[in-house]
């Protein structure tokens, strides 16, 4: 029981860090996709959407693996 209380802050920091990574990675992917779409002169944001979905999928997989390890 006492060991559970010691691990709670560590778990909170772990998952809040994962959330920050997710926001940063999706933001970077969106920015790069937008820049690439503008550079190529595409009307529909193909790269923006594909980069965001790929990064989001990867982060969800990372979250799934992290939850299974605990």
Protein backbone atom coordinates (compact mmCIF):
# COMPACT_ATOMS: atom_id res chain seq x y z
CA UNK A 1 0.00 0.00 0.00
CA UNK A 2 2.75 2.43 0.93
CA UNK A 3 4.69 1.51 -2.20
CA UNK A 4 1.62 2.45 -4.27
CA UNK A 5 1.68 5.99 -2.86
CA UNK A 6 5.34 6.39 -3.76
CA UNK A 7 4.73 5.42 -7.39
CA UNK A 8 1.80 7.77 -7.99
CA UNK A 9 3.79 10.97 -8.61
CA UNK A 10 6.18 9.05 -10.84
CA UNK A 11 3.27 7.70 -12.90
CA UNK A 12 1.72 11.15 -13.13
CA UNK A 13 4.98 12.64 -14.41
CA UNK A 14 5.41 9.78 -16.86
CA UNK A 15 2.02 10.28 -18.48
CA UNK A 16 2.09 14.07 -18.39
CA UNK A 17 5.44 13.89 -20.16
CA UNK A 18 3.90 11.60 -22.74
CA UNK A 19 1.11 14.13 -23.27
CA UNK A 20 3.60 16.93 -23.81
CA UNK A 21 5.50 14.75 -26.30
CA UNK A 22 2.27 14.03 -28.14
CA UNK A 23 1.33 17.69 -28.47
CA UNK A 24 4.84 18.65 -29.58
CA UNK A 25 5.11 15.82 -32.12
CA UNK A 26 1.68 16.50 -33.64
CA UNK A 27 2.42 20.23 -33.78
CA UNK A 28 5.74 19.64 -35.50
CA UNK A 29 4.17 17.18 -37.96
CA UNK A 30 1.40 19.67 -38.77
CA UNK A 31 3.88 22.48 -39.30
CA UNK A 32 6.14 20.38 -41.54
CA UNK A 33 3.17 19.05 -43.50
CA UNK A 34 1.81 22.55 -44.03
CA UNK A 35 5.20 23.82 -45.18
CA UNK A 36 5.59 20.90 -47.59
CA UNK A 37 2.07 21.38 -48.98
CA UNK A 38 2.74 25.08 -49.55
CA UNK A 39 6.13 24.35 -51.13
CA UNK A 40 4.61 21.85 -53.56
CA UNK A 41 1.62 24.13 -54.23
CA UNK A 42 -0.99 21.55 -53.29
CA UNK A 43 -4.56 22.76 -52.82
CA UNK A 44 -5.56 19.91 -50.52
CA UNK A 45 -3.31 19.48 -47.43
CA UNK A 46 -2.23 15.90 -48.18
CA UNK A 47 1.03 15.96 -46.27
CA UNK A 48 -0.39 17.84 -43.29
CA UNK A 49 -3.12 15.25 -42.79
CA UNK A 50 -0.91 12.24 -43.47
CA UNK A 51 1.88 13.41 -41.15
CA UNK A 52 -0.57 14.20 -38.33
CA UNK A 53 -2.35 10.84 -38.64
CA UNK A 54 0.90 8.87 -38.77
CA UNK A 55 2.32 10.67 -35.73
CA UNK A 56 -0.97 10.32 -33.86
CA UNK A 57 -1.05 6.59 -34.60
CA UNK A 58 2.53 6.21 -33.44
CA UNK A 59 1.85 8.07 -30.22
CA UNK A 60 -1.25 5.96 -29.51
CA UNK A 61 0.86 2.83 -30.01
CA UNK A 62 3.49 4.22 -27.64
CA UNK A 63 0.78 4.96 -25.07
CA UNK A 64 -0.64 1.44 -25.46
CA UNK A 65 2.80 -0.11 -24.89
CA UNK A 66 3.40 2.15 -21.91
CA UNK A 67 0.10 1.19 -20.31
CA UNK A 68 0.78 -2.51 -20.82
CA UNK A 69 4.18 -2.26 -19.11
CA UNK A 70 2.60 -0.94 -15.91
